[in-house]
Protein backbone atom coordinates (compact mmCIF):
# COMPACT_ATOMS: atom_id res chain seq x y z
CA ASP A 1 0.00 0.00 0.00
CA LEU A 2 2.84 2.39 0.83
CA MET A 3 4.51 1.80 -2.53
CA VAL A 4 1.29 2.25 -4.48
CA LYS A 5 0.58 5.50 -2.64
CA GLN A 6 4.15 6.68 -3.25
CA TYR A 7 3.86 6.12 -7.00
CA TRP A 8 0.47 7.81 -7.02
CA ASP A 9 1.80 10.83 -5.14
CA LEU A 10 4.95 11.03 -7.29
CA ASN A 11 2.82 11.06 -10.42
CA LYS A 12 0.56 13.79 -9.04
CA ILE A 13 3.54 16.05 -8.34
CA HIS A 14 5.13 15.41 -11.75
CA ASP A 15 1.83 15.78 -13.61
CA ARG A 16 1.03 19.06 -11.86
CA LYS A 17 4.52 20.44 -12.60
CA ASP A 18 4.36 19.31 -16.25
CA ARG A 19 0.89 20.80 -16.69
CA LYS A 20 2.00 24.16 -15.27
CA ILE A 21 5.12 24.18 -17.47
CA GLU A 22 2.94 23.48 -20.51
CA GLU A 23 0.68 26.39 -19.52
CA LEU A 24 3.78 28.60 -19.29
CA LYS A 25 4.85 27.53 -22.78
CA GLN A 26 1.42 28.45 -24.13
CA SER A 27 1.46 31.84 -22.40
CA GLY A 28 3.97 33.32 -24.83
CA LEU A 29 6.39 34.58 -22.19
CA PRO A 30 9.79 35.77 -23.42
CA ASP A 31 12.43 33.02 -23.18
CA GLU A 32 14.24 34.56 -20.20
CA LYS A 33 11.04 34.98 -18.18
CA PHE A 34 9.87 31.49 -19.20
CA GLY A 35 13.16 30.00 -18.03
CA LYS A 36 12.93 31.68 -14.63
CA GLU A 37 9.32 30.64 -14.11
CA LYS A 38 10.02 27.08 -15.24
CA SER A 39 12.95 26.89 -12.84
CA LYS A 40 10.72 28.06 -9.98
CA LEU A 41 8.17 25.35 -10.79
CA GLU A 42 10.87 22.68 -10.96
CA ASN A 43 12.40 23.79 -7.65
CA LYS A 44 9.00 23.80 -5.97
CA ALA A 45 8.27 20.30 -7.28
CA GLU A 46 11.73 19.10 -6.16
CA LYS A 47 11.06 20.29 -2.61
CA LYS A 48 7.72 18.47 -2.61
CA LEU A 49 9.37 15.31 -3.93
CA GLN A 50 12.05 15.40 -1.24
CA LYS A 51 9.46 15.90 1.48
CA LEU A 52 7.38 13.06 0.06
CA GLN A 53 10.44 10.79 -0.09
CA LYS A 54 11.36 11.46 3.55
CA LYS A 55 7.84 10.60 4.64
CA TYR A 56 7.81 7.47 2.47
CA LEU A 57 11.13 6.21 3.85
CA ARG A 58 10.03 6.97 7.41
CA ASN A 59 6.85 4.94 6.84
CA LEU A 60 8.77 2.07 5.22
CA SER A 61 11.13 1.94 8.20
CA LYS A 62 8.17 1.00 10.40
CA TYR A 63 7.95 -2.30 8.53
CA LEU A 64 11.36 -2.90 6.93
CA ASN A 65 15.00 -2.88 7.97
CA LYS A 66 17.67 -0.81 6.15
CA GLN A 67 18.65 -3.67 3.84
CA GLN A 68 15.02 -4.24 2.83
CA ILE A 69 14.52 -0.51 2.26
CA ASP A 70 17.59 -0.51 0.00
CA GLY A 71 15.94 -3.37 -1.89
CA VAL A 72 12.81 -1.27 -2.36
CA LYS A 73 14.93 1.66 -3.58
CA ASP A 74 16.71 -0.67 -6.01
CA GLY A 75 13.38 -1.95 -7.29
CA MET A 76 12.03 1.55 -7.75
CA THR A 77 15.11 2.45 -9.82
CA LEU A 78 15.10 -0.68 -11.97
CA GLY A 79 18.24 -2.19 -10.39
CA ALA A 80 20.41 0.57 -11.84
CA PHE A 81 22.53 0.93 -8.68
CA ASP A 82 23.79 -2.68 -8.70
CA HIS A 83 24.16 -2.75 -12.48
CA ASN A 84 26.28 0.40 -12.55
CA TYR A 85 28.38 -0.40 -9.48
CA ARG A 86 29.19 -3.84 -10.84
CA GLY A 87 29.95 -2.24 -14.21
CA PHE A 88 32.49 0.18 -12.76
CA THR A 89 34.19 -2.42 -10.56
CA GLU A 90 34.39 -4.93 -13.43
CA LEU A 91 35.60 -2.30 -15.88
CA ILE A 92 38.40 -1.25 -13.53
CA PRO A 93 39.27 -4.14 -11.21
CA SER A 94 42.24 -2.16 -9.86
CA LEU A 95 40.05 0.52 -8.22
CA LYS A 96 41.37 1.50 -4.81
CA GLN A 97 39.07 1.30 -1.80
CA ASP A 98 38.52 5.07 -1.63
CA GLU A 99 37.68 5.12 -5.36
CA LYS A 100 35.18 2.29 -4.89
CA GLU A 101 33.63 4.26 -2.02
CA TYR A 102 33.34 7.34 -4.21
CA VAL A 103 31.60 5.34 -6.96
CA TYR A 104 29.34 3.66 -4.40
CA ASN A 105 28.36 6.95 -2.73
CA GLN A 106 27.67 8.67 -6.04
CA LEU A 107 25.45 5.80 -7.15
CA VAL A 108 23.58 5.81 -3.81
CA GLU A 109 22.92 9.52 -4.34
CA ALA A 110 21.77 8.81 -7.90
CA ARG A 111 19.44 6.05 -6.70
CA ASP A 112 17.92 8.28 -4.02
CA LYS A 113 17.35 11.04 -6.57
CA ALA A 114 16.11 8.68 -9.30
CA MET A 115 13.46 7.07 -7.12
CA ASN A 116 11.57 10.38 -7.25
CA MET A 117 11.49 10.47 -11.04
CA GLY A 118 8.25 9.80 -12.83
CA SER A 119 9.41 7.64 -15.72
CA SER A 120 12.05 5.00 -16.35
CA GLU A 121 13.67 7.36 -18.89
CA ASP A 122 13.98 10.06 -16.23
CA LYS A 123 15.42 7.54 -13.76
CA GLN A 124 18.00 6.47 -16.35
CA ALA A 125 18.84 10.11 -17.07
CA VAL A 126 19.72 10.64 -13.40
CA PHE A 127 22.06 7.65 -13.46
CA ARG A 128 23.64 8.86 -16.73
CA GLN A 129 24.34 12.22 -15.08
CA TYR A 130 26.03 10.56 -12.11
CA LYS A 131 27.95 8.13 -14.32
CA GLY A 132 29.36 11.19 -16.07
CA LYS A 133 30.50 12.60 -12.73
CA ILE A 134 32.06 9.26 -11.83
CA ASN A 135 33.81 9.03 -15.21
CA ASN A 136 35.24 12.53 -14.72
CA TYR A 137 36.43 11.60 -11.23
CA LEU A 138 38.07 8.40 -12.44
CA SER A 139 39.79 10.28 -15.27
CA GLN A 140 41.12 12.77 -12.72
CA GLN A 141 42.45 9.81 -10.74
CA GLY A 142 44.52 8.86 -13.79
CA TYR A 143 42.39 6.14 -15.35
CA ASP A 144 42.16 6.06 -19.14
CA LEU A 145 38.56 4.90 -19.48
CA ASP A 146 38.86 4.15 -23.19
CA GLN A 147 41.84 1.88 -22.50
CA GLU A 148 40.02 0.31 -19.54
CA ARG A 149 37.11 -0.55 -21.88
CA ILE A 150 39.51 -2.16 -24.37
CA GLU A 151 41.08 -4.24 -21.58
CA TRP A 152 37.65 -5.15 -20.22
CA ASN A 153 36.53 -6.36 -23.67
CA LYS A 154 39.70 -8.47 -23.90
CA ARG A 155 38.93 -10.05 -20.51
CA ILE A 156 35.37 -10.82 -21.68
CA GLU A 157 36.64 -12.45 -24.89
CA GLU A 158 39.22 -14.51 -22.97
CA ALA A 159 36.53 -15.70 -20.54
CA LYS A 160 34.31 -16.74 -23.46
CA ARG A 161 37.16 -18.65 -25.11
CA SER A 162 38.07 -20.43 -21.88
CA LYS A 163 34.46 -21.68 -21.53
CA MET A 164 34.55 -23.29 -24.97
C-alpha cells in the first residue's frame, strides 16, 4: 500500500509540474522569463518530492530494515545501482578502496534522486548524469577509461574462449 501510494503521489507532483510548465509555454512569455518561471516550478516540485520521499522512507522503516529498504529503492530504480556499481568495478578491477567508495556513494545519491522520477527514462537520465560525474572523477584519478574498456573487452573475450 505504501509503494502504491508513493507512486500515485509522485505522479501527481510530476503531472502538476508538467501541466504548469505546458501552460507557461502556451502563455507566450519571453524566453528569459519562461526559463525563470520554469525553474521556480521545478524547484518547488523538487522540494515536494524530497518531502514526500522522507515521509515514504520513514513509513517504510516501520515495517522494513535498512537492507530491505535498500531493496525497495533498487526496485524503484530498476536495479540501476547494482548494475552500474558492478559495471564500474568490473571495468576497472584495480580501483582502490577510496575510489570504490566514491563510486558507491555517487550511485547511492543517484538512486535516491532517481526514485523520485516519474518515468524510467527520467530515472536512467539521473544515473547517466552521475555516471558522467564518476567518469570525470576516475579520469582525474589517472584512469584512461577508453583503454580500460579495451582491456575489459579483452577479458570478456578470454573468458568466453576459456568456456569453450
